[in-house]
């Protein structure tokens, strides 16, 4: 599903215009991004949980050359599906 398809589906489901749905989706994206940048955990009950995690530095291998290299420590977003979502997609 593309962003435009998602916007249309939200608009139809909520009974609002495509422009309003687009604004709501942008606001959701901005709020979630801001919360994660601030180190907060974001929970959308029945859908998912997203949180910022620290990945430690580790040794890896360049797949093209086979050369050993160090992958630096970095922050990543960990997303976990809710049990409700897992159940819905497994049926």
PDB file of N, CA and C in Angstrom:
ATOM      1  N   UNK A   1       0.852  -1.174   0.000  1.00  0.00           N
ATOM      2  CA  UNK A   1       0.000   0.000   0.000  1.00  0.00           C
ATOM      3  C   UNK A   1       0.894   1.232   0.000  1.00  0.00           C
ATOM      4  N   UNK A   2       0.660   2.120  -0.942  1.00  0.00           N
ATOM      5  CA  UNK A   2       1.433   3.356  -1.025  1.00  0.00           C
ATOM      6  C   UNK A   2       0.827   4.407  -0.104  1.00  0.00           C
ATOM      7  N   UNK A   3       1.549   5.515   0.064  1.00  0.00           N
ATOM      8  CA  UNK A   3       1.054   6.589   0.922  1.00  0.00           C
ATOM      9  C   UNK A   3      -0.271   7.123   0.399  1.00  0.00           C
ATOM     10  N   UNK A   4      -0.385   7.330  -0.902  1.00  0.00           N
ATOM     11  CA  UNK A   4      -1.625   7.878  -1.455  1.00  0.00           C
ATOM     12  C   UNK A   4      -2.791   6.908  -1.271  1.00  0.00           C
ATOM     13  N   UNK A   5      -2.525   5.611  -1.395  1.00  0.00           N
ATOM     14  CA  UNK A   5      -3.576   4.611  -1.147  1.00  0.00           C
ATOM     15  C   UNK A   5      -3.980   4.611   0.322  1.00  0.00           C
ATOM     16  N   UNK A   6      -3.004   4.766   1.205  1.00  0.00           N
ATOM     17  CA  UNK A   6      -3.278   4.828   2.635  1.00  0.00           C
ATOM     18  C   UNK A   6      -4.113   6.059   2.975  1.00  0.00           C
ATOM     19  N   UNK A   7      -3.760   7.192   2.400  1.00  0.00           N
ATOM     20  CA  UNK A   7      -4.508   8.430   2.635  1.00  0.00           C
ATOM     21  C   UNK A   7      -5.955   8.257   2.183  1.00  0.00           C
ATOM     22  N   UNK A   8      -6.160   7.699   1.006  1.00  0.00           N
ATOM     23  CA  UNK A   8      -7.528   7.483   0.502  1.00  0.00           C
ATOM     24  C   UNK A   8      -8.313   6.538   1.409  1.00  0.00           C
ATOM     25  N   UNK A   9      -7.670   5.469   1.888  1.00  0.00           N
ATOM     26  CA  UNK A   9      -8.339   4.515   2.764  1.00  0.00           C
ATOM     27  C   UNK A   9      -8.706   5.155   4.102  1.00  0.00           C
ATOM     28  N   UNK A  10      -7.803   5.956   4.652  1.00  0.00           N
ATOM     29  CA  UNK A  10      -8.084   6.657   5.909  1.00  0.00           C
ATOM     30  C   UNK A  10      -9.238   7.626   5.721  1.00  0.00           C
ATOM     31  N   UNK A  11      -9.208   8.376   4.622  1.00  0.00           N
ATOM     32  CA  UNK A  11     -10.269   9.353   4.339  1.00  0.00           C
ATOM     33  C   UNK A  11     -11.624   8.665   4.236  1.00  0.00           C
ATOM     34  N   UNK A  12     -11.661   7.559   3.538  1.00  0.00           N
ATOM     35  CA  UNK A  12     -12.921   6.828   3.356  1.00  0.00           C
ATOM     36  C   UNK A  12     -13.422   6.273   4.692  1.00  0.00           C
ATOM     37  N   UNK A  13     -12.513   5.639   5.448  1.00  0.00           N
ATOM     38  CA  UNK A  13     -12.887   5.029   6.729  1.00  0.00           C
ATOM     39  C   UNK A  13     -13.353   6.072   7.737  1.00  0.00           C
ATOM     40  N   UNK A  14     -12.689   7.222   7.773  1.00  0.00           N
ATOM     41  CA  UNK A  14     -13.006   8.261   8.759  1.00  0.00           C
ATOM     42  C   UNK A  14     -14.078   9.239   8.272  1.00  0.00           C
ATOM     43  N   UNK A  15     -14.423   9.178   6.988  1.00  0.00           N
ATOM     44  CA  UNK A  15     -15.421  10.099   6.455  1.00  0.00           C
ATOM     45  C   UNK A  15     -14.918  11.532   6.375  1.00  0.00           C
ATOM     46  N   UNK A  16     -13.640  11.678   6.021  1.00  0.00           N
ATOM     47  CA  UNK A  16     -13.038  13.002   5.878  1.00  0.00           C
ATOM     48  C   UNK A  16     -12.458  13.129   4.467  1.00  0.00           C
ATOM     49  N   UNK A  17     -11.992  14.327   4.147  1.00  0.00           N
ATOM     50  CA  UNK A  17     -11.418  14.538   2.820  1.00  0.00           C
ATOM     51  C   UNK A  17     -10.013  13.944   2.751  1.00  0.00           C
ATOM     52  N   UNK A  18      -9.545  13.735   1.527  1.00  0.00           N
ATOM     53  CA  UNK A  18      -8.186  13.226   1.328  1.00  0.00           C
ATOM     54  C   UNK A  18      -7.163  14.194   1.926  1.00  0.00           C
ATOM     55  N   UNK A  19      -7.407  15.498   1.796  1.00  0.00           N
ATOM     56  CA  UNK A  19      -6.479  16.501   2.323  1.00  0.00           C
ATOM     57  C   UNK A  19      -6.406  16.419   3.850  1.00  0.00           C
ATOM     58  N   UNK A  20      -7.543  16.239   4.495  1.00  0.00           N
ATOM     59  CA  UNK A  20      -7.564  16.111   5.948  1.00  0.00           C
ATOM     60  C   UNK A  20      -6.850  14.829   6.391  1.00  0.00           C
ATOM     61  N   UNK A  21      -7.077  13.750   5.669  1.00  0.00           N
ATOM     62  CA  UNK A  21      -6.418  12.485   5.988  1.00  0.00           C
ATOM     63  C   UNK A  21      -4.906  12.605   5.795  1.00  0.00           C
ATOM     64  N   UNK A  22      -4.491  13.292   4.745  1.00  0.00           N
ATOM     65  CA  UNK A  22      -3.069  13.506   4.492  1.00  0.00           C
ATOM     66  C   UNK A  22      -2.448  14.316   5.624  1.00  0.00           C
ATOM     67  N   UNK A  23      -3.152  15.373   6.073  1.00  0.00           N
ATOM     68  CA  UNK A  23      -2.658  16.193   7.179  1.00  0.00           C
ATOM     69  C   UNK A  23      -2.549  15.369   8.460  1.00  0.00           C
ATOM     70  N   UNK A  24      -3.551  14.516   8.710  1.00  0.00           N
ATOM     71  CA  UNK A  24      -3.535  13.679   9.908  1.00  0.00           C
ATOM     72  C   UNK A  24      -2.379  12.676   9.853  1.00  0.00           C
ATOM     73  N   UNK A  25      -2.148  12.086   8.699  1.00  0.00           N
ATOM     74  CA  UNK A  25      -1.052  11.131   8.542  1.00  0.00           C
ATOM     75  C   UNK A  25       0.296  11.826   8.730  1.00  0.00           C
ATOM     76  N   UNK A  26       0.443  13.024   8.184  1.00  0.00           N
ATOM     77  CA  UNK A  26       1.683  13.797   8.356  1.00  0.00           C
ATOM     78  C   UNK A  26       1.894  14.143   9.821  1.00  0.00           C
ATOM     79  N   UNK A  27       0.812  14.540  10.506  1.00  0.00           N
ATOM     80  CA  UNK A  27       0.915  14.866  11.926  1.00  0.00           C
ATOM     81  C   UNK A  27       1.332  13.638  12.735  1.00  0.00           C
ATOM     82  N   UNK A  28       0.746  12.486  12.432  1.00  0.00           N
ATOM     83  CA  UNK A  28       1.107  11.252  13.124  1.00  0.00           C
ATOM     84  C   UNK A  28       2.584  10.931  12.902  1.00  0.00           C
ATOM     85  N   UNK A  29       3.028  11.033  11.678  1.00  0.00           N
ATOM     86  CA  UNK A  29       4.427  10.762  11.345  1.00  0.00           C
ATOM     87  C   UNK A  29       5.358  11.702  12.110  1.00  0.00           C
ATOM     88  N   UNK A  30       5.017  12.989  12.133  1.00  0.00           N
ATOM     89  CA  UNK A  30       5.846  13.979  12.829  1.00  0.00           C
ATOM     90  C   UNK A  30       5.901  13.724  14.333  1.00  0.00           C
ATOM     91  N   UNK A  31       4.754  13.411  14.925  1.00  0.00           N
ATOM     92  CA  UNK A  31       4.694  13.181  16.375  1.00  0.00           C
ATOM     93  C   UNK A  31       5.469  11.924  16.757  1.00  0.00           C
ATOM     94  N   UNK A  32       5.295  10.849  16.002  1.00  0.00           N
ATOM     95  CA  UNK A  32       6.010   9.603  16.289  1.00  0.00           C
ATOM     96  C   UNK A  32       7.511   9.801  16.127  1.00  0.00           C
ATOM     97  N   UNK A  33       7.919  10.463  15.065  1.00  0.00           N
ATOM     98  CA  UNK A  33       9.344  10.719  14.828  1.00  0.00           C
ATOM     99  C   UNK A  33       9.929  11.547  15.958  1.00  0.00           C
ATOM    100  N   UNK A  34       9.243  12.598  16.348  1.00  0.00           N
ATOM    101  CA  UNK A  34       9.713  13.477  17.421  1.00  0.00           C
ATOM    102  C   UNK A  34       9.843  12.718  18.739  1.00  0.00           C
ATOM    103  N   UNK A  35       8.855  11.886  19.044  1.00  0.00           N
ATOM    104  CA  UNK A  35       8.901  11.108  20.283  1.00  0.00           C
ATOM    105  C   UNK A  35      10.081  10.140  20.278  1.00  0.00           C
ATOM    106  N   UNK A  36      10.312   9.469  19.163  1.00  0.00           N
ATOM    107  CA  UNK A  36      11.429   8.527  19.084  1.00  0.00           C
ATOM    108  C   UNK A  36      12.771   9.246  19.183  1.00  0.00           C
ATOM    109  N   UNK A  37      12.888  10.407  18.548  1.00  0.00           N
ATOM    110  CA  UNK A  37      14.125  11.194  18.634  1.00  0.00           C
ATOM    111  C   UNK A  37      14.394  11.591  20.084  1.00  0.00           C
ATOM    112  N   UNK A  38      13.332  11.873  20.840  1.00  0.00           N
ATOM    113  CA  UNK A  38      13.461  12.249  22.250  1.00  0.00           C
ATOM    114  C   UNK A  38      13.665  11.033  23.160  1.00  0.00           C
ATOM    115  N   UNK A  39      13.718   9.829  22.589  1.00  0.00           N
ATOM    116  CA  UNK A  39      13.961   8.631  23.362  1.00  0.00           C
ATOM    117  C   UNK A  39      12.719   8.023  23.992  1.00  0.00           C
ATOM    118  N   UNK A  40      11.552   8.486  23.601  1.00  0.00           N
ATOM    119  CA  UNK A  40      10.306   7.960  24.156  1.00  0.00           C
ATOM    120  C   UNK A  40       9.869   6.699  23.411  1.00  0.00           C
ATOM    121  N   UNK A  41       9.147   5.852  24.110  1.00  0.00           N
ATOM    122  CA  UNK A  41       8.553   4.659  23.520  1.00  0.00           C
ATOM    123  C   UNK A  41       7.171   5.063  22.996  1.00  0.00           C
ATOM    124  N   UNK A  42       6.830   4.620  21.796  1.00  0.00           N
ATOM    125  CA  UNK A  42       5.534   4.935  21.196  1.00  0.00           C
ATOM    126  C   UNK A  42       4.707   3.657  21.137  1.00  0.00           C
ATOM    127  N   UNK A  43       3.537   3.695  21.764  1.00  0.00           N
ATOM    128  CA  UNK A  43       2.659   2.529  21.773  1.00  0.00           C
ATOM    129  C   UNK A  43       1.341   2.893  21.108  1.00  0.00           C
ATOM    130  N   UNK A  44       0.988   2.144  20.085  1.00  0.00           N
ATOM    131  CA  UNK A  44      -0.304   2.286  19.426  1.00  0.00           C
ATOM    132  C   UNK A  44      -1.061   0.989  19.709  1.00  0.00           C
ATOM    133  N   UNK A  45      -1.898   0.981  20.753  1.00  0.00           N
ATOM    134  CA  UNK A  45      -2.565  -0.257  21.164  1.00  0.00           C
ATOM    135  C   UNK A  45      -3.311  -0.912  19.999  1.00  0.00           C
ATOM    136  N   UNK A  46      -3.146  -2.207  19.902  1.00  0.00           N
ATOM    137  CA  UNK A  46      -3.777  -2.965  18.839  1.00  0.00           C
ATOM    138  C   UNK A  46      -3.008  -2.927  17.532  1.00  0.00           C
ATOM    139  N   UNK A  47      -1.907  -2.173  17.483  1.00  0.00           N
ATOM    140  CA  UNK A  47      -1.138  -2.066  16.254  1.00  0.00           C
ATOM    141  C   UNK A  47       0.335  -2.396  16.470  1.00  0.00           C
ATOM    142  N   UNK A  48       1.060  -1.517  17.175  1.00  0.00           N
ATOM    143  CA  UNK A  48       2.492  -1.741  17.336  1.00  0.00           C
ATOM    144  C   UNK A  48       3.072  -0.930  18.471  1.00  0.00           C
ATOM    145  N   UNK A  49       4.313  -1.269  18.813  1.00  0.00           N
ATOM    146  CA  UNK A  49       5.120  -0.503  19.751  1.00  0.00           C
ATOM    147  C   UNK A  49       6.436  -0.208  19.052  1.00  0.00           C
ATOM    148  N   UNK A  50       6.890   1.037  19.140  1.00  0.00           N
ATOM    149  CA  UNK A  50       8.163   1.432  18.542  1.00  0.00           C
ATOM    150  C   UNK A  50       9.025   2.078  19.617  1.00  0.00           C
ATOM    151  N   UNK A  51      10.305   1.727  19.620  1.00  0.00           N
ATOM    152  CA  UNK A  51      11.215   2.319  20.592  1.00  0.00           C
ATOM    153  C   UNK A  51      12.611   2.436  19.995  1.00  0.00           C
ATOM    154  N   UNK A  52      13.376   3.365  20.520  1.00  0.00           N
ATOM    155  CA  UNK A  52      14.741   3.593  20.074  1.00  0.00           C
ATOM    156  C   UNK A  52      15.660   2.665  20.860  1.00  0.00           C
ATOM    157  N   UNK A  53      16.537   1.953  20.167  1.00  0.00           N
ATOM    158  CA  UNK A  53      17.501   1.063  20.821  1.00  0.00           C
ATOM    159  C   UNK A  53      18.910   1.396  20.342  1.00  0.00           C
ATOM    160  N   UNK A  54      19.869   1.140  21.208  1.00  0.00           N
ATOM    161  CA  UNK A  54      21.283   1.350  20.872  1.00  0.00           C
ATOM    162  C   UNK A  54      21.857   0.034  20.363  1.00  0.00           C
ATOM    163  N   UNK A  55      22.414   0.040  19.183  1.00  0.00           N
ATOM    164  CA  UNK A  55      23.080  -1.144  18.639  1.00  0.00           C
ATOM    165  C   UNK A  55      24.581  -0.975  18.885  1.00  0.00           C
ATOM    166  N   UNK A  56      25.225  -1.934  19.535  1.00  0.00           N
ATOM    167  CA  UNK A  56      26.659  -1.804  19.819  1.00  0.00           C
ATOM    168  C   UNK A  56      27.500  -1.987  18.554  1.00  0.00           C
ATOM    169  N   UNK A  57      28.728  -1.507  18.620  1.00  0.00           N
ATOM    170  CA  UNK A  57      29.667  -1.721  17.512  1.00  0.00           C
ATOM    171  C   UNK A  57      29.950  -3.216  17.411  1.00  0.00           C
ATOM    172  N   UNK A  58      30.178  -3.683  16.188  1.00  0.00           N
ATOM    173  CA  UNK A  58      30.458  -5.106  15.996  1.00  0.00           C
ATOM    174  C   UNK A  58      31.332  -5.297  14.773  1.00  0.00           C
ATOM    175  N   UNK A  59      31.916  -6.482  14.684  1.00  0.00           N
ATOM    176  CA  UNK A  59      32.737  -6.826  13.530  1.00  0.00           C
ATOM    177  C   UNK A  59      31.841  -7.401  12.446  1.00  0.00           C
ATOM    178  N   UNK A  60      32.134  -7.045  11.213  1.00  0.00           N
ATOM    179  CA  UNK A  60      31.382  -7.559  10.084  1.00  0.00           C
ATOM    180  C   UNK A  60      32.312  -7.838   8.928  1.00  0.00           C
ATOM    181  N   UNK A  61      31.736  -8.168   7.809  1.00  0.00           N
ATOM    182  CA  UNK A  61      32.526  -8.485   6.625  1.00  0.00           C
ATOM    183  C   UNK A  61      31.894  -7.808   5.418  1.00  0.00           C
ATOM    184  N   UNK A  62      32.720  -7.178   4.610  1.00  0.00           N
ATOM    185  CA  UNK A  62      32.258  -6.569   3.372  1.00  0.00           C
ATOM    186  C   UNK A  62      31.855  -7.705   2.432  1.00  0.00           C
ATOM    187  N   UNK A  63      30.581  -7.786   2.033  1.00  0.00           N
ATOM    188  CA  UNK A  63      30.152  -8.911   1.197  1.00  0.00           C
ATOM    189  C   UNK A  63      30.791  -8.916  -0.187  1.00  0.00           C
ATOM    190  N   UNK A  64      31.194  -7.769  -0.668  1.00  0.00           N
ATOM    191  CA  UNK A  64      31.788  -7.689  -2.001  1.00  0.00           C
ATOM    192  C   UNK A  64      33.234  -8.164  -2.014  1.00  0.00           C
ATOM    193  N   UNK A  65      33.999  -7.722  -0.984  1.00  0.00           N
ATOM    194  CA  UNK A  65      35.433  -8.041  -0.991  1.00  0.00           C
ATOM    195  C   UNK A  65      35.804  -9.114   0.024  1.00  0.00           C
ATOM    196  N   UNK A  66      34.937  -9.366   1.002  1.00  0.00           N
ATOM    197  CA  UNK A  66      35.243 -10.325   2.048  1.00  0.00           C
ATOM    198  C   UNK A  66      36.129  -9.742   3.130  1.00  0.00           C
ATOM    199  N   UNK A  67      36.477  -8.460   3.000  1.00  0.00           N
ATOM    200  CA  UNK A  67      37.347  -7.796   3.952  1.00  0.00           C
ATOM    201  C   UNK A  67      36.632  -7.582   5.286  1.00  0.00           C
ATOM    202  N   UNK A  68      37.359  -7.801   6.397  1.00  0.00           N
ATOM    203  CA  UNK A  68      36.814  -7.568   7.732  1.00  0.00           C
ATOM    204  C   UNK A  68      36.674  -6.068   7.955  1.00  0.00           C
ATOM    205  N   UNK A  69      35.606  -5.680   8.668  1.00  0.00           N
ATOM    206  CA  UNK A  69      35.400  -4.266   8.949  1.00  0.00           C
ATOM    207  C   UNK A  69      34.641  -4.129  10.259  1.00  0.00           C
ATOM    208  N   UNK A  70      34.718  -2.949  10.847  1.00  0.00           N
ATOM    209  CA  UNK A  70      33.984  -2.682  12.071  1.00  0.00           C
ATOM    210  C   UNK A  70      32.738  -1.889  11.724  1.00  0.00           C
ATOM    211  N   UNK A  71      31.604  -2.385  12.166  1.00  0.00           N
ATOM    212  CA  UNK A  71      30.339  -1.677  11.982  1.00  0.00           C
ATOM    213  C   UNK A  71      30.151  -0.832  13.230  1.00  0.00           C
ATOM    214  N   UNK A  72      30.072   0.494  13.084  1.00  0.00           N
ATOM    215  CA  UNK A  72      30.026   1.362  14.264  1.00  0.00           C
ATOM    216  C   UNK A  72      28.707   1.225  15.045  1.00  0.00           C
ATOM    217  N   UNK A  73      28.759   1.607  16.317  1.00  0.00           N
ATOM    218  CA  UNK A  73      27.549   1.637  17.142  1.00  0.00           C
ATOM    219  C   UNK A  73      26.592   2.666  16.556  1.00  0.00           C
ATOM    220  N   UNK A  74      25.298   2.394  16.671  1.00  0.00           N
ATOM    221  CA  UNK A  74      24.308   3.327  16.145  1.00  0.00           C
ATOM    222  C   UNK A  74      22.967   3.119  16.845  1.00  0.00           C
ATOM    223  N   UNK A  75      22.090   4.066  16.633  1.00  0.00           N
ATOM    224  CA  UNK A  75      20.730   3.967  17.158  1.00  0.00           C
ATOM    225  C   UNK A  75      19.835   3.412  16.057  1.00  0.00           C
ATOM    226  N   UNK A  76      18.835   2.631  16.464  1.00  0.00           N
ATOM    227  CA  UNK A  76      17.897   2.050  15.507  1.00  0.00           C
ATOM    228  C   UNK A  76      16.503   2.049  16.135  1.00  0.00           C
ATOM    229  N   UNK A  77      15.497   1.937  15.302  1.00  0.00           N
ATOM    230  CA  UNK A  77      14.125   1.856  15.783  1.00  0.00           C
ATOM    231  C   UNK A  77      13.715   0.387  15.790  1.00  0.00           C
ATOM    232  N   UNK A  78      13.239  -0.061  16.931  1.00  0.00           N
ATOM    233  CA  UNK A  78      12.746  -1.434  17.079  1.00  0.00           C
ATOM    234  C   UNK A  78      11.220  -1.366  17.076  1.00  0.00           C
ATOM    235  N   UNK A  79      10.601  -2.106  16.171  1.00  0.00           N
ATOM    236  CA  UNK A  79       9.144  -2.112  16.057  1.00  0.00           C
ATOM    237  C   UNK A  79       8.635  -3.513  16.359  1.00  0.00           C
ATOM    238  N   UNK A  80       7.673  -3.579  17.271  1.00  0.00           N
ATOM    239  CA  UNK A  80       7.066  -4.853  17.644  1.00  0.00           C
ATOM    240  C   UNK A  80       5.575  -4.789  17.361  1.00  0.00           C
ATOM    241  N   UNK A  81       5.072  -5.784  16.662  1.00  0.00           N
ATOM    242  CA  UNK A  81       3.641  -5.858  16.379  1.00  0.00           C
ATOM    243  C   UNK A  81       2.899  -6.273  17.646  1.00  0.00           C
ATOM    244  N   UNK A  82       1.694  -5.729  17.826  1.00  0.00           N
ATOM    245  CA  UNK A  82       0.880  -6.099  18.985  1.00  0.00           C
ATOM    246  C   UNK A  82       0.320  -7.502  18.789  1.00  0.00           C
ATOM    247  N   UNK A  83      -0.095  -8.103  19.886  1.00  0.00           N
ATOM    248  CA  UNK A  83      -0.674  -9.444  19.796  1.00  0.00           C
ATOM    249  C   UNK A  83      -1.968  -9.416  18.982  1.00  0.00           C
ATOM    250  N   UNK A  84      -2.715  -8.317  19.049  1.00  0.00           N
ATOM    251  CA  UNK A  84      -3.943  -8.182  18.265  1.00  0.00           C
ATOM    252  C   UNK A  84      -3.640  -8.213  16.768  1.00  0.00           C
ATOM    253  N   UNK A  85      -2.604  -7.477  16.356  1.00  0.00           N
ATOM    254  CA  UNK A  85      -2.209  -7.445  14.952  1.00  0.00           C
ATOM    255  C   UNK A  85      -1.682  -8.809  14.516  1.00  0.00           C
ATOM    256  N   UNK A  86      -0.860  -9.433  15.334  1.00  0.00           N
ATOM    257  CA  UNK A  86      -0.320 -10.755  15.005  1.00  0.00           C
ATOM    258  C   UNK A  86      -1.452 -11.761  14.804  1.00  0.00           C
ATOM    259  N   UNK A  87      -2.435 -11.708  15.692  1.00  0.00           N
ATOM    260  CA  UNK A  87      -3.570 -12.632  15.596  1.00  0.00           C
ATOM    261  C   UNK A  87      -4.378 -12.372  14.320  1.00  0.00           C
ATOM    262  N   UNK A  88      -4.594 -11.100  13.988  1.00  0.00           N
ATOM    263  CA  UNK A  88      -5.390 -10.739  12.818  1.00  0.00           C
ATOM    264  C   UNK A  88      -4.744 -11.221  11.516  1.00  0.00           C
ATOM    265  N   UNK A  89      -3.434 -11.093  11.408  1.00  0.00           N
ATOM    266  CA  UNK A  89      -2.772 -11.485  10.161  1.00  0.00           C
ATOM    267  C   UNK A  89      -2.530 -12.987  10.067  1.00  0.00           C
ATOM    268  N   UNK A  90      -2.556 -13.680  11.190  1.00  0.00           N
ATOM    269  CA  UNK A  90      -2.298 -15.106  11.148  1.00  0.00           C
ATOM    270  C   UNK A  90      -3.570 -15.918  10.821  1.00  0.00           C
ATOM    271  N   UNK A  91      -4.707 -15.292  10.901  1.00  0.00           N
ATOM    272  CA  UNK A  91      -5.964 -16.007  10.618  1.00  0.00           C
ATOM    273  C   UNK A  91      -6.317 -15.952   9.164  1.00  0.00           C
TER     274      UNK A  91
END
